[in-house]
Amino acid sequence: MSITDFRFDTSACRKPVIRHEPVRPVRPDVLGEVAFYTEWQDLMAQEPPMGFMVADSHLEIILAALGGQVTQRRATVAASLIKWLGTNCGRSMREEAQRLATLEVAGLGDRAWLKAWAVENRRDLSSNYGDRALEAILAEEFLPDGRVVVPELTMDDYEVAEQLMLWLGSHNGKAYLQRCEQRLRALYAAQEALGGGLVPTAPREAPSLSALQCRHIDKTFPNSRTEMAGYLARGVEVIVRRQNECSPDVPPFAIKVLSNPDFWIDCCASEAEAVLRATALGLRVE
């Protein structure tokens, strides 16, 4: 028998595909949910950094204290909590966590999020019909009176929530929250630019504004951000022209909105760079 006669079954070595989706779908009209969900999807799609441990995903690093691989259930619990952070109730807890963080001694600010979550998740007859917050967040069904069909949660579900809250208080967690706030501001600006209507986006398919677009809007003059967000959200047509109106320190090639040439998206050092910049921002170059 030659070595070529051997066949190795590698199917057992393949890791399952993990979907970072919440129990209930994101509501497109709740911009907070859209912002937090989209940033979470972006983070989960990134390669984890090289560090003290070998990890296949950012979630594995976040849940390192629990040991073992990331399961679909753990990913679902984490994504559901992240989505909830974008709701009004989630915002209330975020504000409480930030308030507590200012009271913590140096180096212990990460515990503020866990403390805020402990209060939020307590059983209270005056809130959530007496259900814990995590029970309501992970419920799949609602009754006609608005109550949830309380799911059976495991200790692991509660521990995933705790580890996620600890991470939100860490340096990386705070950076994630800042990106969420940045995206949310851009979404509100885009909504205002569209006359108060919903931002035309399907969260599961593509966000109306990418992380690059959000960063670009934040660097824009405050009185131009709403208009800038509207142009980027609609992916308007632009032209690239050499400009001589500004001082020499401003790059010579301007990206101008075709329907409103007085509005400049950005300036670049060369025409080719301007075309690449406009395309990256989701704009159509004439």
C-alpha atoms as a PDB file:
ATOM      1  CA  MET A   1       0.000   0.000   0.000  1.00  0.00           C
ATOM      2  CA  SER A   2       1.429   3.379  -0.990  1.00  0.00           C
ATOM      3  CA  ILE A   3       1.145   6.573   1.006  1.00  0.00           C
ATOM      4  CA  THR A   4      -1.266   7.924  -1.578  1.00  0.00           C
ATOM      5  CA  ASP A   5      -3.792   5.286  -0.519  1.00  0.00           C
ATOM      6  CA  PHE A   6      -4.269   6.971   2.854  1.00  0.00           C
ATOM      7  CA  ARG A   7      -7.064   9.488   3.259  1.00  0.00           C
ATOM      8  CA  PHE A   8      -7.350  11.770   6.259  1.00  0.00           C
ATOM      9  CA  ASP A   9     -10.698  13.033   7.474  1.00  0.00           C
ATOM     10  CA  THR A  10     -10.151  16.664   8.487  1.00  0.00           C
ATOM     11  CA  SER A  11     -13.812  17.477   9.055  1.00  0.00           C
ATOM     12  CA  ALA A  12     -13.436  17.081  12.812  1.00  0.00           C
ATOM     13  CA  CYS A  13     -10.709  19.762  12.801  1.00  0.00           C
ATOM     14  CA  ARG A  14     -12.898  22.373  11.167  1.00  0.00           C
ATOM     15  CA  LYS A  15     -14.252  24.956  13.555  1.00  0.00           C
ATOM     16  CA  PRO A  16     -17.939  25.816  13.242  1.00  0.00           C
ATOM     17  CA  VAL A  17     -18.887  29.106  11.636  1.00  0.00           C
ATOM     18  CA  ILE A  18     -19.999  31.483  14.385  1.00  0.00           C
ATOM     19  CA  ARG A  19     -22.663  34.095  13.615  1.00  0.00           C
ATOM     20  CA  HIS A  20     -22.552  37.171  15.818  1.00  0.00           C
ATOM     21  CA  GLU A  21     -26.262  37.859  15.627  1.00  0.00           C
ATOM     22  CA  PRO A  22     -28.673  38.794  18.444  1.00  0.00           C
ATOM     23  CA  VAL A  23     -31.645  36.679  19.461  1.00  0.00           C
ATOM     24  CA  ARG A  24     -34.032  39.228  17.933  1.00  0.00           C
ATOM     25  CA  PRO A  25     -33.153  41.193  14.771  1.00  0.00           C
ATOM     26  CA  VAL A  26     -31.900  44.751  14.894  1.00  0.00           C
ATOM     27  CA  ARG A  27     -34.663  47.315  14.322  1.00  0.00           C
ATOM     28  CA  PRO A  28     -33.626  49.678  11.484  1.00  0.00           C
ATOM     29  CA  ASP A  29     -35.567  52.559  13.036  1.00  0.00           C
ATOM     30  CA  VAL A  30     -33.651  52.314  16.336  1.00  0.00           C
ATOM     31  CA  LEU A  31     -30.403  53.980  15.340  1.00  0.00           C
ATOM     32  CA  GLY A  32     -28.677  53.056  18.585  1.00  0.00           C
ATOM     33  CA  GLU A  33     -29.182  49.374  17.842  1.00  0.00           C
ATOM     34  CA  VAL A  34     -27.900  49.899  14.296  1.00  0.00           C
ATOM     35  CA  ALA A  35     -24.758  51.696  15.514  1.00  0.00           C
ATOM     36  CA  PHE A  36     -23.809  49.221  18.255  1.00  0.00           C
ATOM     37  CA  TYR A  37     -24.631  46.183  16.118  1.00  0.00           C
ATOM     38  CA  THR A  38     -22.679  47.427  13.093  1.00  0.00           C
ATOM     39  CA  GLU A  39     -19.577  48.282  15.123  1.00  0.00           C
ATOM     40  CA  TRP A  40     -19.767  44.859  16.794  1.00  0.00           C
ATOM     41  CA  GLN A  41     -19.947  43.156  13.406  1.00  0.00           C
ATOM     42  CA  ASP A  42     -16.926  45.152  12.248  1.00  0.00           C
ATOM     43  CA  LEU A  43     -14.966  44.184  15.370  1.00  0.00           C
ATOM     44  CA  MET A  44     -15.857  40.506  15.132  1.00  0.00           C
ATOM     45  CA  ALA A  45     -14.768  40.464  11.473  1.00  0.00           C
ATOM     46  CA  GLN A  46     -11.281  41.734  12.342  1.00  0.00           C
ATOM     47  CA  GLU A  47      -8.309  39.522  13.059  1.00  0.00           C
ATOM     48  CA  PRO A  48      -7.525  39.506  16.796  1.00  0.00           C
ATOM     49  CA  PRO A  49      -4.265  41.189  17.799  1.00  0.00           C
ATOM     50  CA  MET A  50      -1.181  39.187  18.654  1.00  0.00           C
ATOM     51  CA  GLY A  51      -0.788  39.069  22.406  1.00  0.00           C
ATOM     52  CA  PHE A  52      -0.389  36.863  25.415  1.00  0.00           C
ATOM     53  CA  MET A  53      -2.806  34.267  24.059  1.00  0.00           C
ATOM     54  CA  VAL A  54      -3.588  32.649  20.755  1.00  0.00           C
ATOM     55  CA  ALA A  55      -7.186  33.467  19.876  1.00  0.00           C
ATOM     56  CA  ASP A  56      -9.334  32.965  16.802  1.00  0.00           C
ATOM     57  CA  SER A  57     -11.576  35.955  17.449  1.00  0.00           C
ATOM     58  CA  HIS A  58     -11.965  39.097  19.527  1.00  0.00           C
ATOM     59  CA  LEU A  59     -14.820  37.438  21.394  1.00  0.00           C
ATOM     60  CA  GLU A  60     -12.506  34.638  22.492  1.00  0.00           C
ATOM     61  CA  ILE A  61     -10.238  37.266  24.063  1.00  0.00           C
ATOM     62  CA  ILE A  62     -13.179  39.025  25.717  1.00  0.00           C
ATOM     63  CA  LEU A  63     -14.404  35.732  27.208  1.00  0.00           C
ATOM     64  CA  ALA A  64     -10.939  34.340  27.995  1.00  0.00           C
ATOM     65  CA  ALA A  65     -11.738  33.954  31.707  1.00  0.00           C
ATOM     66  CA  LEU A  66     -14.484  31.458  30.868  1.00  0.00           C
ATOM     67  CA  GLY A  67     -12.120  29.104  29.035  1.00  0.00           C
ATOM     68  CA  GLY A  68     -12.999  26.920  26.084  1.00  0.00           C
ATOM     69  CA  GLN A  69     -13.893  27.914  22.559  1.00  0.00           C
ATOM     70  CA  VAL A  70     -16.482  30.480  21.569  1.00  0.00           C
ATOM     71  CA  THR A  71     -19.782  28.686  21.048  1.00  0.00           C
ATOM     72  CA  GLN A  72     -22.714  29.906  19.009  1.00  0.00           C
ATOM     73  CA  ARG A  73     -24.680  30.438  22.212  1.00  0.00           C
ATOM     74  CA  ARG A  74     -21.963  32.637  23.712  1.00  0.00           C
ATOM     75  CA  ALA A  75     -21.792  34.683  20.512  1.00  0.00           C
ATOM     76  CA  THR A  76     -25.585  35.094  20.490  1.00  0.00           C
ATOM     77  CA  VAL A  77     -25.674  36.219  24.121  1.00  0.00           C
ATOM     78  CA  ALA A  78     -22.895  38.764  23.532  1.00  0.00           C
ATOM     79  CA  ALA A  79     -24.468  40.141  20.326  1.00  0.00           C
ATOM     80  CA  SER A  80     -27.872  40.446  22.023  1.00  0.00           C
ATOM     81  CA  LEU A  81     -26.369  42.441  24.890  1.00  0.00           C
ATOM     82  CA  ILE A  82     -24.468  44.666  22.481  1.00  0.00           C
ATOM     83  CA  LYS A  83     -27.662  45.370  20.535  1.00  0.00           C
ATOM     84  CA  TRP A  84     -29.481  46.188  23.799  1.00  0.00           C
ATOM     85  CA  LEU A  85     -26.814  48.759  24.689  1.00  0.00           C
ATOM     86  CA  GLY A  86     -28.123  50.820  21.780  1.00  0.00           C
ATOM     87  CA  THR A  87     -31.644  51.043  23.226  1.00  0.00           C
ATOM     88  CA  ASN A  88     -32.934  53.691  25.635  1.00  0.00           C
ATOM     89  CA  CYS A  89     -32.572  51.247  28.538  1.00  0.00           C
ATOM     90  CA  GLY A  90     -29.061  50.409  27.413  1.00  0.00           C
ATOM     91  CA  ARG A  91     -28.176  54.082  27.183  1.00  0.00           C
ATOM     92  CA  SER A  92     -29.377  54.583  30.760  1.00  0.00           C
ATOM     93  CA  MET A  93     -27.042  51.842  31.947  1.00  0.00           C
ATOM     94  CA  ARG A  94     -24.163  53.241  29.873  1.00  0.00           C
ATOM     95  CA  GLU A  95     -24.594  56.614  31.533  1.00  0.00           C
ATOM     96  CA  GLU A  96     -24.685  54.997  34.979  1.00  0.00           C
ATOM     97  CA  ALA A  97     -21.520  53.009  34.211  1.00  0.00           C
ATOM     98  CA  GLN A  98     -19.746  56.163  33.084  1.00  0.00           C
ATOM     99  CA  ARG A  99     -20.881  57.968  36.251  1.00  0.00           C
ATOM    100  CA  LEU A 100     -19.576  55.150  38.424  1.00  0.00           C
ATOM    101  CA  ALA A 101     -16.298  55.083  36.490  1.00  0.00           C
ATOM    102  CA  THR A 102     -15.582  58.675  37.523  1.00  0.00           C
ATOM    103  CA  LEU A 103     -15.934  57.612  41.170  1.00  0.00           C
ATOM    104  CA  GLU A 104     -13.616  54.602  40.900  1.00  0.00           C
ATOM    105  CA  VAL A 105     -10.025  54.796  42.086  1.00  0.00           C
ATOM    106  CA  ALA A 106      -7.375  54.815  39.362  1.00  0.00           C
ATOM    107  CA  GLY A 107      -7.072  51.524  37.517  1.00  0.00           C
ATOM    108  CA  LEU A 108     -10.389  50.052  38.664  1.00  0.00           C
ATOM    109  CA  GLY A 109     -12.718  51.833  36.245  1.00  0.00           C
ATOM    110  CA  ASP A 110     -13.488  48.576  34.436  1.00  0.00           C
ATOM    111  CA  ARG A 111     -15.467  47.419  37.473  1.00  0.00           C
ATOM    112  CA  ALA A 112     -17.912  50.297  37.029  1.00  0.00           C
ATOM    113  CA  TRP A 113     -19.585  48.549  34.104  1.00  0.00           C
ATOM    114  CA  LEU A 114     -19.961  45.325  36.066  1.00  0.00           C
ATOM    115  CA  LYS A 115     -21.447  47.243  38.996  1.00  0.00           C
ATOM    116  CA  ALA A 116     -23.902  49.070  36.755  1.00  0.00           C
ATOM    117  CA  TRP A 117     -24.897  45.777  35.137  1.00  0.00           C
ATOM    118  CA  ALA A 118     -25.429  44.091  38.521  1.00  0.00           C
ATOM    119  CA  VAL A 119     -27.970  46.779  39.415  1.00  0.00           C
ATOM    120  CA  GLU A 120     -29.576  46.706  35.954  1.00  0.00           C
ATOM    121  CA  ASN A 121     -29.905  42.923  35.956  1.00  0.00           C
ATOM    122  CA  ARG A 122     -31.369  42.561  39.441  1.00  0.00           C
ATOM    123  CA  ARG A 123     -34.891  41.169  39.735  1.00  0.00           C
ATOM    124  CA  ASP A 124     -37.234  44.082  40.396  1.00  0.00           C
ATOM    125  CA  LEU A 125     -41.040  43.760  40.402  1.00  0.00           C
ATOM    126  CA  SER A 126     -41.346  47.357  39.158  1.00  0.00           C
ATOM    127  CA  SER A 127     -39.240  46.696  36.043  1.00  0.00           C
ATOM    128  CA  ASN A 128     -39.594  44.233  33.139  1.00  0.00           C
ATOM    129  CA  TYR A 129     -42.650  42.666  34.847  1.00  0.00           C
ATOM    130  CA  GLY A 130     -40.278  41.264  37.451  1.00  0.00           C
ATOM    131  CA  ASP A 131     -37.965  39.606  34.911  1.00  0.00           C
ATOM    132  CA  ARG A 132     -34.221  40.074  34.990  1.00  0.00           C
ATOM    133  CA  ALA A 133     -32.779  42.306  32.260  1.00  0.00           C
ATOM    134  CA  LEU A 134     -30.898  39.385  30.713  1.00  0.00           C
ATOM    135  CA  GLU A 135     -34.080  37.315  30.584  1.00  0.00           C
ATOM    136  CA  ALA A 136     -35.827  40.085  28.655  1.00  0.00           C
ATOM    137  CA  ILE A 137     -32.818  40.668  26.378  1.00  0.00           C
ATOM    138  CA  LEU A 138     -32.531  36.987  25.427  1.00  0.00           C
ATOM    139  CA  ALA A 139     -36.266  36.286  25.120  1.00  0.00           C
ATOM    140  CA  GLU A 140     -37.373  35.108  21.684  1.00  0.00           C
ATOM    141  CA  GLU A 141     -41.125  35.520  22.111  1.00  0.00           C
ATOM    142  CA  PHE A 142     -43.532  38.129  23.426  1.00  0.00           C
ATOM    143  CA  LEU A 143     -46.989  37.636  24.895  1.00  0.00           C
ATOM    144  CA  PRO A 144     -49.966  39.791  23.805  1.00  0.00           C
ATOM    145  CA  ASP A 145     -49.698  41.909  26.969  1.00  0.00           C
ATOM    146  CA  GLY A 146     -46.101  42.850  26.162  1.00  0.00           C
ATOM    147  CA  ARG A 147     -44.451  40.427  28.537  1.00  0.00           C
ATOM    148  CA  VAL A 148     -41.760  38.086  27.303  1.00  0.00           C
ATOM    149  CA  VAL A 149     -41.787  34.330  27.344  1.00  0.00           C
ATOM    150  CA  VAL A 150     -38.989  33.990  29.873  1.00  0.00           C
ATOM    151  CA  PRO A 151     -36.194  31.797  28.469  1.00  0.00           C
ATOM    152  CA  GLU A 152     -34.273  29.260  30.497  1.00  0.00           C
ATOM    153  CA  LEU A 153     -30.852  30.791  31.008  1.00  0.00           C
ATOM    154  CA  THR A 154     -27.711  29.000  32.104  1.00  0.00           C
ATOM    155  CA  MET A 155     -24.927  30.117  34.408  1.00  0.00           C
ATOM    156  CA  ASP A 156     -22.761  30.446  31.308  1.00  0.00           C
ATOM    157  CA  ASP A 157     -25.193  33.012  29.851  1.00  0.00           C
ATOM    158  CA  TYR A 158     -24.821  35.144  32.968  1.00  0.00           C
ATOM    159  CA  GLU A 159     -21.034  34.786  32.948  1.00  0.00           C
ATOM    160  CA  VAL A 160     -20.826  35.857  29.301  1.00  0.00           C
ATOM    161  CA  ALA A 161     -22.733  39.009  30.239  1.00  0.00           C
ATOM    162  CA  GLU A 162     -20.394  39.708  33.160  1.00  0.00           C
ATOM    163  CA  GLN A 163     -17.231  39.244  31.100  1.00  0.00           C
ATOM    164  CA  LEU A 164     -18.610  41.500  28.379  1.00  0.00           C
ATOM    165  CA  MET A 165     -19.323  44.211  30.938  1.00  0.00           C
ATOM    166  CA  LEU A 166     -15.807  43.935  32.349  1.00  0.00           C
ATOM    167  CA  TRP A 167     -14.410  44.283  28.820  1.00  0.00           C
ATOM    168  CA  LEU A 168     -16.494  47.421  28.139  1.00  0.00           C
ATOM    169  CA  GLY A 169     -14.656  49.071  31.019  1.00  0.00           C
ATOM    170  CA  SER A 170     -11.256  48.143  29.588  1.00  0.00           C
ATOM    171  CA  HIS A 171      -9.154  50.216  27.200  1.00  0.00           C
ATOM    172  CA  ASN A 172     -10.339  48.231  24.160  1.00  0.00           C
ATOM    173  CA  GLY A 173     -13.931  48.281  25.357  1.00  0.00           C
ATOM    174  CA  LYS A 174     -13.873  52.044  25.783  1.00  0.00           C
ATOM    175  CA  ALA A 175     -12.439  52.421  22.268  1.00  0.00           C
ATOM    176  CA  TYR A 176     -15.313  50.307  20.942  1.00  0.00           C
ATOM    177  CA  LEU A 177     -17.867  52.452  22.783  1.00  0.00           C
ATOM    178  CA  GLN A 178     -16.323  55.608  21.340  1.00  0.00           C
ATOM    179  CA  ARG A 179     -16.679  54.200  17.826  1.00  0.00           C
ATOM    180  CA  CYS A 180     -20.314  53.366  18.546  1.00  0.00           C
ATOM    181  CA  GLU A 181     -21.010  56.902  19.740  1.00  0.00           C
ATOM    182  CA  GLN A 182     -19.242  58.279  16.700  1.00  0.00           C
ATOM    183  CA  ARG A 183     -21.313  56.153  14.337  1.00  0.00           C
ATOM    184  CA  LEU A 184     -24.514  57.015  16.180  1.00  0.00           C
ATOM    185  CA  ARG A 185     -23.846  60.747  15.830  1.00  0.00           C
ATOM    186  CA  ALA A 186     -23.253  60.283  12.128  1.00  0.00           C
ATOM    187  CA  LEU A 187     -26.475  58.296  11.743  1.00  0.00           C
ATOM    188  CA  TYR A 188     -28.473  61.012  13.498  1.00  0.00           C
ATOM    189  CA  ALA A 189     -26.847  63.630  11.267  1.00  0.00           C
ATOM    190  CA  ALA A 190     -27.718  61.592   8.183  1.00  0.00           C
ATOM    191  CA  GLN A 191     -31.297  61.193   9.396  1.00  0.00           C
ATOM    192  CA  GLU A 192     -31.596  64.931   9.897  1.00  0.00           C
ATOM    193  CA  ALA A 193     -30.139  65.580   6.453  1.00  0.00           C
ATOM    194  CA  LEU A 194     -32.778  63.297   4.950  1.00  0.00           C
ATOM    195  CA  GLY A 195     -35.566  65.349   6.473  1.00  0.00           C
ATOM    196  CA  GLY A 196     -36.040  63.325   9.636  1.00  0.00           C
ATOM    197  CA  GLY A 197     -36.879  60.114   7.817  1.00  0.00           C
ATOM    198  CA  LEU A 198     -35.220  56.805   8.474  1.00  0.00           C
ATOM    199  CA  VAL A 199     -31.690  56.366   7.256  1.00  0.00           C
ATOM    200  CA  PRO A 200     -32.006  54.068   4.223  1.00  0.00           C
ATOM    201  CA  THR A 201     -30.142  51.082   5.589  1.00  0.00           C
ATOM    202  CA  ALA A 202     -30.631  47.391   6.223  1.00  0.00           C
ATOM    203  CA  PRO A 203     -28.336  46.638   9.204  1.00  0.00           C
ATOM    204  CA  ARG A 204     -27.855  43.018   8.224  1.00  0.00           C
ATOM    205  CA  GLU A 205     -26.746  43.914   4.717  1.00  0.00           C
ATOM    206  CA  ALA A 206     -24.739  47.118   4.806  1.00  0.00           C
ATOM    207  CA  PRO A 207     -24.536  50.081   7.167  1.00  0.00           C
ATOM    208  CA  SER A 208     -25.542  53.439   5.732  1.00  0.00           C
ATOM    209  CA  LEU A 209     -22.262  54.904   6.936  1.00  0.00           C
ATOM    210  CA  SER A 210     -18.983  53.042   7.187  1.00  0.00           C
ATOM    211  CA  ALA A 211     -16.439  53.555   9.950  1.00  0.00           C
ATOM    212  CA  LEU A 212     -14.325  55.560   7.466  1.00  0.00           C
ATOM    213  CA  GLN A 213     -17.280  57.812   6.647  1.00  0.00           C
ATOM    214  CA  CYS A 214     -18.024  58.356  10.338  1.00  0.00           C
ATOM    215  CA  ARG A 215     -14.416  59.356  11.029  1.00  0.00           C
ATOM    216  CA  HIS A 216     -14.498  61.706   8.044  1.00  0.00           C
ATOM    217  CA  ILE A 217     -17.671  63.396   9.322  1.00  0.00           C
ATOM    218  CA  ASP A 218     -16.135  63.866  12.784  1.00  0.00           C
ATOM    219  CA  LYS A 219     -13.194  65.713  11.220  1.00  0.00           C
ATOM    220  CA  THR A 220     -15.540  68.059   9.343  1.00  0.00           C
ATOM    221  CA  PHE A 221     -16.366  71.523  10.659  1.00  0.00           C
ATOM    222  CA  PRO A 222     -19.299  71.186  13.094  1.00  0.00           C
ATOM    223  CA  ASN A 223     -21.618  73.400  11.040  1.00  0.00           C
ATOM    224  CA  SER A 224     -21.041  71.188   7.968  1.00  0.00           C
ATOM    225  CA  ARG A 225     -21.424  67.735   9.526  1.00  0.00           C
ATOM    226  CA  THR A 226     -25.133  67.310   8.860  1.00  0.00           C
ATOM    227  CA  GLU A 227     -24.753  68.204   5.190  1.00  0.00           C
ATOM    228  CA  MET A 228     -21.626  66.048   4.866  1.00  0.00           C
ATOM    229  CA  ALA A 229     -23.415  63.067   6.433  1.00  0.00           C
ATOM    230  CA  GLY A 230     -26.297  63.486   4.009  1.00  0.00           C
ATOM    231  CA  TYR A 231     -24.023  63.489   0.953  1.00  0.00           C
ATOM    232  CA  LEU A 232     -22.107  60.429   2.173  1.00  0.00           C
ATOM    233  CA  ALA A 233     -25.286  58.554   3.101  1.00  0.00           C
ATOM    234  CA  ARG A 234     -26.689  59.104  -0.398  1.00  0.00           C
ATOM    235  CA  GLY A 235     -23.413  58.361  -2.203  1.00  0.00           C
ATOM    236  CA  VAL A 236     -23.744  61.467  -4.368  1.00  0.00           C
ATOM    237  CA  GLU A 237     -21.852  62.173  -7.567  1.00  0.00           C
ATOM    238  CA  VAL A 238     -18.712  64.299  -7.194  1.00  0.00           C
ATOM    239  CA  ILE A 239     -16.085  65.948  -9.377  1.00  0.00           C
ATOM    240  CA  VAL A 240     -12.361  66.403  -8.796  1.00  0.00           C
ATOM    241  CA  ARG A 241     -10.992  69.823  -9.699  1.00  0.00           C
ATOM    242  CA  ARG A 242      -7.786  71.753  -9.003  1.00  0.00           C
ATOM    243  CA  GLN A 243      -8.461  74.523  -6.507  1.00  0.00           C
ATOM    244  CA  ASN A 244      -6.621  77.806  -5.949  1.00  0.00           C
ATOM    245  CA  GLU A 245      -8.975  79.473  -3.504  1.00  0.00           C
ATOM    246  CA  CYS A 246      -7.160  78.274  -0.371  1.00  0.00           C
ATOM    247  CA  SER A 247      -3.748  78.886   1.118  1.00  0.00           C
ATOM    248  CA  PRO A 248      -0.760  76.893  -0.193  1.00  0.00           C
ATOM    249  CA  ASP A 249      -0.844  74.478   2.745  1.00  0.00           C
ATOM    250  CA  VAL A 250      -4.190  73.070   1.528  1.00  0.00           C
ATOM    251  CA  PRO A 251      -3.810  70.174  -0.970  1.00  0.00           C
ATOM    252  CA  PRO A 252      -4.526  71.363  -4.541  1.00  0.00           C
ATOM    253  CA  PHE A 253      -7.201  68.873  -5.686  1.00  0.00           C
ATOM    254  CA  ALA A 254     -10.686  69.316  -4.261  1.00  0.00           C
ATOM    255  CA  ILE A 255     -13.494  66.751  -4.235  1.00  0.00           C
ATOM    256  CA  LYS A 256     -16.643  68.775  -4.922  1.00  0.00           C
ATOM    257  CA  VAL A 257     -20.293  67.724  -4.865  1.00  0.00           C
ATOM    258  CA  LEU A 258     -21.485  67.859  -8.474  1.00  0.00           C
ATOM    259  CA  SER A 259     -24.893  69.305  -7.598  1.00  0.00           C
ATOM    260  CA  ASN A 260     -23.332  71.800  -5.179  1.00  0.00           C
ATOM    261  CA  PRO A 261     -19.715  72.590  -6.203  1.00  0.00           C
ATOM    262  CA  ASP A 262     -19.360  75.058  -3.348  1.00  0.00           C
ATOM    263  CA  PHE A 263     -19.424  72.099  -0.961  1.00  0.00           C
ATOM    264  CA  TRP A 264     -16.082  70.297  -0.764  1.00  0.00           C
ATOM    265  CA  ILE A 265     -15.826  66.774   0.560  1.00  0.00           C
ATOM    266  CA  ASP A 266     -12.023  66.802   0.954  1.00  0.00           C
ATOM    267  CA  CYS A 267      -8.767  67.963  -0.631  1.00  0.00           C
ATOM    268  CA  CYS A 268      -5.947  65.683  -1.781  1.00  0.00           C
ATOM    269  CA  ALA A 269      -2.389  66.001  -3.069  1.00  0.00           C
ATOM    270  CA  SER A 270      -3.129  64.560  -6.522  1.00  0.00           C
ATOM    271  CA  GLU A 271      -6.083  63.895  -8.785  1.00  0.00           C
ATOM    272  CA  ALA A 272      -5.545  60.133  -8.528  1.00  0.00           C
ATOM    273  CA  GLU A 273      -5.503  60.312  -4.725  1.00  0.00           C
ATOM    274  CA  ALA A 274      -8.705  62.373  -4.766  1.00  0.00           C
ATOM    275  CA  VAL A 275     -10.465  59.790  -6.937  1.00  0.00           C
ATOM    276  CA  LEU A 276      -9.389  56.992  -4.591  1.00  0.00           C
ATOM    277  CA  ARG A 277     -10.484  59.005  -1.550  1.00  0.00           C
ATOM    278  CA  ALA A 278     -13.912  59.768  -3.002  1.00  0.00           C
ATOM    279  CA  THR A 279     -14.436  56.140  -3.993  1.00  0.00           C
ATOM    280  CA  ALA A 280     -13.437  54.931  -0.531  1.00  0.00           C
ATOM    281  CA  LEU A 281     -16.028  57.303   0.947  1.00  0.00           C
ATOM    282  CA  GLY A 282     -18.725  55.697  -1.209  1.00  0.00           C
ATOM    283  CA  LEU A 283     -19.072  58.599  -3.620  1.00  0.00           C
ATOM    284  CA  ARG A 284     -19.443  58.404  -7.409  1.00  0.00           C
ATOM    285  CA  VAL A 285     -16.741  60.254  -9.344  1.00  0.00           C
ATOM    286  CA  GLU A 286     -17.820  61.809 -12.630  1.00  0.00           C
END
